[in-house]
Amino acid sequence: MSFAENYQQIRSRIEAACARAGRDPASVLLLPVTKGQPVSSIREAADAGLQIFGESKVQEAKVKIPQCPSRLKWHMIGHLQSNKCRDAVHFFQMIHSVDSLPLAQELNKWADKLGRRTPILMEVNIAGESSKFGYKSDQLLADLKEINSLPRLEIHGLMTIAPYTPAPEKVRPCFKKLSELRDRCSEILGAPLPHLSMGMSGDFEIAIEEGATIVRIGTALFGPRQSSATKQTTD
């Protein structure tokens, strides 16, 4: 199918999931994941009205973002190394993958040097998979106030990558746990955390039913990746 057909189908599925959950479809951001996709595909998506995109690798973003329409905004959704924090703060309007206090401190340092305030999401390895990055729940709760005190960072919510399964219903407990953890974090900070970034091409409808406000969708929108980059579990 064409991009336009894929986009319309996904929008319809988002609306149906929101209807089942009694939610407004406007409360869910469809974040196209452009890892491995050419600039031409990003421009096609922008022409269809999409304005916020997700990239998994800083190096790929540095090449592609300058070639894309300047009105677009970008979210960093992949694992972030400390030595890439300067570029991450420069190129991205939100970083979904903050998974340690030292990483948060490094981001805060560069945000201060660049004169930015950087919205972040805390990545949680909610299923405890050894192959994935992300906070353990208890450690996040222990670090939360210190990260919240960093003056250049703004905690907006949590992110997770659920285990892959051909039966999406099996990951519902992961999304439910992240939603409950977000509520605990909000209580600790005494302020609402608006975002849950969870759900990808194979499970986004379940994620929406459990409260996702950002769904990260790549292959279901664009089709197979067109680069030979190593596959990662970010869309």
Protein backbone atom coordinates (compact mmCIF):
# COMPACT_ATOMS: atom_id res chain seq x y z
CA MET A 1 0.00 0.00 0.00
CA SER A 2 1.02 3.61 -0.43
CA PHE A 3 2.05 5.83 2.46
CA ALA A 4 -1.27 7.68 2.25
CA GLU A 5 -3.18 4.40 2.55
CA ASN A 6 -1.04 3.22 5.45
CA TYR A 7 -1.46 6.54 7.23
CA GLN A 8 -5.23 6.54 6.84
CA GLN A 9 -5.47 2.95 8.07
CA ILE A 10 -3.38 3.69 11.15
CA ARG A 11 -5.39 6.84 11.91
CA SER A 12 -8.56 4.76 11.73
CA ARG A 13 -7.10 2.17 14.08
CA ILE A 14 -6.04 4.87 16.54
CA GLU A 15 -9.54 6.34 16.47
CA ALA A 16 -11.11 2.92 17.04
CA ALA A 17 -8.77 2.19 19.98
CA CYS A 18 -9.58 5.58 21.49
CA ALA A 19 -13.29 4.89 21.10
CA ARG A 20 -12.92 1.60 22.97
CA ALA A 21 -11.07 3.40 25.76
CA GLY A 22 -13.41 6.40 25.86
CA ARG A 23 -10.60 8.74 24.83
CA ASP A 24 -10.28 11.67 22.44
CA PRO A 25 -8.11 10.67 19.43
CA ALA A 26 -6.47 14.09 19.70
CA SER A 27 -4.90 12.89 22.97
CA VAL A 28 -2.66 10.43 21.06
CA LEU A 29 0.36 11.61 19.07
CA LEU A 30 1.27 9.40 16.14
CA LEU A 31 5.07 9.60 16.04
CA PRO A 32 6.45 8.32 12.70
CA VAL A 33 9.74 6.49 13.25
CA THR A 34 12.07 7.31 10.38
CA LYS A 35 15.05 5.10 11.18
CA GLY A 36 16.33 3.60 7.94
CA GLN A 37 13.91 5.63 5.82
CA PRO A 38 15.02 8.09 3.13
CA VAL A 39 14.42 11.82 3.30
CA SER A 40 11.91 11.48 0.45
CA SER A 41 9.66 9.35 2.67
CA ILE A 42 9.88 11.90 5.47
CA ARG A 43 8.90 14.67 3.06
CA GLU A 44 5.94 12.61 1.88
CA ALA A 45 4.80 12.19 5.47
CA ALA A 46 5.27 15.92 6.10
CA ASP A 47 3.19 16.71 3.03
CA ALA A 48 0.42 14.53 4.54
CA GLY A 49 0.38 16.79 7.59
CA LEU A 50 2.69 15.01 10.02
CA GLN A 51 5.01 17.41 11.83
CA ILE A 52 6.76 15.49 14.63
CA PHE A 53 9.07 12.58 13.83
CA GLY A 54 11.14 10.08 15.81
CA GLU A 55 14.72 9.03 15.14
CA SER A 56 16.67 6.26 16.87
CA LYS A 57 20.25 7.27 16.18
CA VAL A 58 21.88 10.65 16.64
CA GLN A 59 24.30 10.11 13.75
CA GLU A 60 21.48 9.35 11.32
CA ALA A 61 19.51 12.34 12.56
CA LYS A 62 22.46 14.69 12.02
CA VAL A 63 22.50 13.75 8.34
CA LYS A 64 18.76 13.68 7.68
CA ILE A 65 17.28 16.51 9.75
CA PRO A 66 19.06 19.32 7.83
CA GLN A 67 17.64 17.89 4.57
CA CYS A 68 14.05 17.93 5.85
CA PRO A 69 11.59 20.84 6.04
CA SER A 70 12.67 23.17 8.83
CA ARG A 71 9.15 23.25 10.33
CA LEU A 72 9.44 19.62 11.45
CA LYS A 73 10.15 18.69 15.06
CA TRP A 74 12.12 15.66 16.18
CA HIS A 75 12.07 13.26 19.11
CA MET A 76 15.01 11.04 20.08
CA ILE A 77 13.64 7.57 20.79
CA GLY A 78 16.68 5.28 20.66
CA HIS A 79 19.32 4.46 23.23
CA LEU A 80 21.43 7.53 23.94
CA GLN A 81 25.11 7.43 24.84
CA SER A 82 26.60 10.17 26.99
CA ASN A 83 29.00 11.24 24.24
CA LYS A 84 26.01 12.03 21.99
CA CYS A 85 24.23 14.30 24.48
CA ARG A 86 25.41 17.57 22.94
CA ASP A 87 23.99 16.66 19.52
CA ALA A 88 20.84 15.20 21.06
CA VAL A 89 20.08 18.46 22.85
CA HIS A 90 20.81 20.41 19.68
CA PHE A 91 18.72 18.36 17.22
CA PHE A 92 15.79 17.03 19.26
CA GLN A 93 12.83 18.76 20.88
CA MET A 94 12.20 15.80 23.22
CA ILE A 95 14.31 12.85 24.36
CA HIS A 96 12.36 9.68 25.19
CA SER A 97 15.24 7.48 26.31
CA VAL A 98 16.71 8.87 29.54
CA ASP A 99 17.66 5.74 31.46
CA SER A 100 20.10 6.84 34.19
CA LEU A 101 20.96 9.72 36.49
CA PRO A 102 24.41 10.24 34.89
CA LEU A 103 22.82 10.52 31.45
CA ALA A 104 20.32 13.05 32.75
CA GLN A 105 23.13 15.06 34.31
CA GLU A 106 25.06 15.08 31.04
CA LEU A 107 21.98 16.22 29.12
CA ASN A 108 21.42 18.96 31.68
CA LYS A 109 25.03 20.11 31.25
CA TRP A 110 24.69 20.47 27.49
CA ALA A 111 21.24 21.99 27.69
CA ASP A 112 22.74 24.64 29.96
CA LYS A 113 25.65 25.27 27.60
CA LEU A 114 23.30 25.55 24.62
CA GLY A 115 20.75 27.66 26.47
CA ARG A 116 17.96 25.10 26.07
CA ARG A 117 15.25 23.60 28.22
CA THR A 118 14.90 19.97 27.20
CA PRO A 119 11.74 17.91 27.75
CA ILE A 120 12.56 14.29 28.57
CA LEU A 121 10.82 10.98 29.14
CA MET A 122 12.26 8.38 31.50
CA GLU A 123 12.77 5.04 29.76
CA VAL A 124 11.69 2.09 31.88
CA ASN A 125 12.53 -1.56 31.18
CA ILE A 126 9.13 -2.51 32.53
CA ALA A 127 9.42 -6.19 31.55
CA GLY A 128 12.97 -6.57 32.92
CA GLU A 129 14.40 -7.86 29.63
CA SER A 130 18.18 -8.23 29.69
CA SER A 131 18.40 -7.27 26.02
CA LYS A 132 16.80 -3.86 26.51
CA PHE A 133 17.87 -0.58 28.06
CA GLY A 134 15.84 1.34 30.60
CA TYR A 135 15.40 2.00 34.29
CA LYS A 136 14.21 -0.61 36.73
CA SER A 137 11.11 0.79 38.41
CA ASP A 138 12.63 0.99 41.89
CA GLN A 139 15.74 2.78 40.68
CA LEU A 140 13.68 5.31 38.77
CA LEU A 141 11.67 6.11 41.88
CA ALA A 142 14.94 6.54 43.82
CA ASP A 143 16.47 8.91 41.23
CA LEU A 144 13.34 10.81 40.27
CA LYS A 145 13.58 13.82 42.57
CA GLU A 146 17.26 14.39 41.80
CA ILE A 147 16.59 14.31 38.06
CA ASN A 148 13.61 16.60 38.51
CA SER A 149 15.89 19.09 40.29
CA LEU A 150 18.12 19.46 37.21
CA PRO A 151 17.26 22.99 36.05
CA ARG A 152 17.48 22.48 32.29
CA LEU A 153 15.46 19.26 32.06
CA GLU A 154 11.68 18.84 32.23
CA ILE A 155 10.30 15.38 33.00
CA HIS A 156 7.17 14.92 30.89
CA GLY A 157 6.49 11.24 31.47
CA LEU A 158 7.69 7.68 30.86
CA MET A 159 8.59 5.50 27.89
CA THR A 160 8.87 1.75 27.44
CA ILE A 161 9.45 -0.85 24.74
CA ALA A 162 7.28 -3.89 25.36
CA PRO A 163 8.51 -7.41 24.58
CA TYR A 164 7.85 -8.51 21.03
CA THR A 165 5.01 -10.97 20.65
CA PRO A 166 2.75 -11.97 17.75
CA ALA A 167 -0.14 -11.76 20.24
CA PRO A 168 -0.31 -8.07 21.28
CA GLU A 169 -2.78 -8.73 24.08
CA LYS A 170 0.04 -10.44 26.00
CA VAL A 171 1.84 -7.11 26.50
CA ARG A 172 -1.15 -5.32 28.01
CA PRO A 173 0.20 -5.89 31.55
CA CYS A 174 3.42 -4.07 30.60
CA PHE A 175 1.51 -1.01 29.45
CA LYS A 176 -0.72 -1.11 32.51
CA LYS A 177 2.36 -1.27 34.78
CA LEU A 178 3.92 1.74 33.05
CA SER A 179 0.73 3.73 33.48
CA GLU A 180 0.64 2.84 37.18
CA LEU A 181 4.32 3.76 37.56
CA ARG A 182 3.68 7.11 35.88
CA ASP A 183 0.97 7.78 38.48
CA ARG A 184 3.41 6.97 41.30
CA CYS A 185 6.00 9.31 39.79
CA SER A 186 3.41 12.07 39.56
CA GLU A 187 2.60 11.62 43.25
CA ILE A 188 6.29 11.81 44.21
CA LEU A 189 6.82 14.99 42.19
CA GLY A 190 3.50 16.53 43.15
CA ALA A 191 2.74 17.35 39.52
CA PRO A 192 1.10 15.51 36.63
CA LEU A 193 3.31 13.80 34.07
CA PRO A 194 1.32 14.05 30.84
CA HIS A 195 3.03 11.51 28.58
CA LEU A 196 3.25 7.75 28.17
CA SER A 197 5.32 6.84 25.11
CA MET A 198 4.43 3.21 24.53
CA GLY A 199 3.17 1.09 21.68
CA MET A 200 4.71 0.41 18.29
CA SER A 201 3.60 -1.00 14.95
CA GLY A 202 2.50 -4.35 16.36
CA ASP A 203 0.87 -3.33 19.64
CA PHE A 204 -0.09 0.34 19.57
CA GLU A 205 -3.82 -0.28 19.90
CA ILE A 206 -3.36 -2.11 23.21
CA ALA A 207 -1.07 0.69 24.37
CA ILE A 208 -3.70 3.31 23.56
CA GLU A 209 -6.31 1.37 25.50
CA GLU A 210 -3.93 1.51 28.50
CA GLY A 211 -3.27 5.24 28.23
CA ALA A 212 -0.52 5.82 25.67
CA THR A 213 -0.22 9.45 24.59
CA ILE A 214 2.59 8.81 22.07
CA VAL A 215 2.75 5.76 19.80
CA ARG A 216 5.95 5.16 17.84
CA ILE A 217 5.18 3.68 14.43
CA GLY A 218 7.66 2.97 11.68
CA THR A 219 7.18 -0.05 9.44
CA ALA A 220 3.37 0.06 9.54
CA LEU A 221 3.59 3.56 8.09
CA PHE A 222 6.58 3.47 5.79
CA GLY A 223 6.99 -0.20 5.01
CA PRO A 224 10.32 -2.03 5.44
CA ARG A 225 13.37 0.07 6.20
CA GLN A 226 15.33 1.03 3.11
CA SER A 227 18.77 1.19 4.74
CA SER A 228 20.99 -1.64 5.90
CA ALA A 229 21.16 -0.26 9.44
CA THR A 230 21.03 -2.87 12.18
CA LYS A 231 17.46 -3.49 13.28
CA GLN A 232 16.58 -2.16 16.77
CA THR A 233 13.38 -2.45 18.74
CA THR A 234 12.25 1.17 18.60
CA ASP A 235 9.35 0.93 16.18
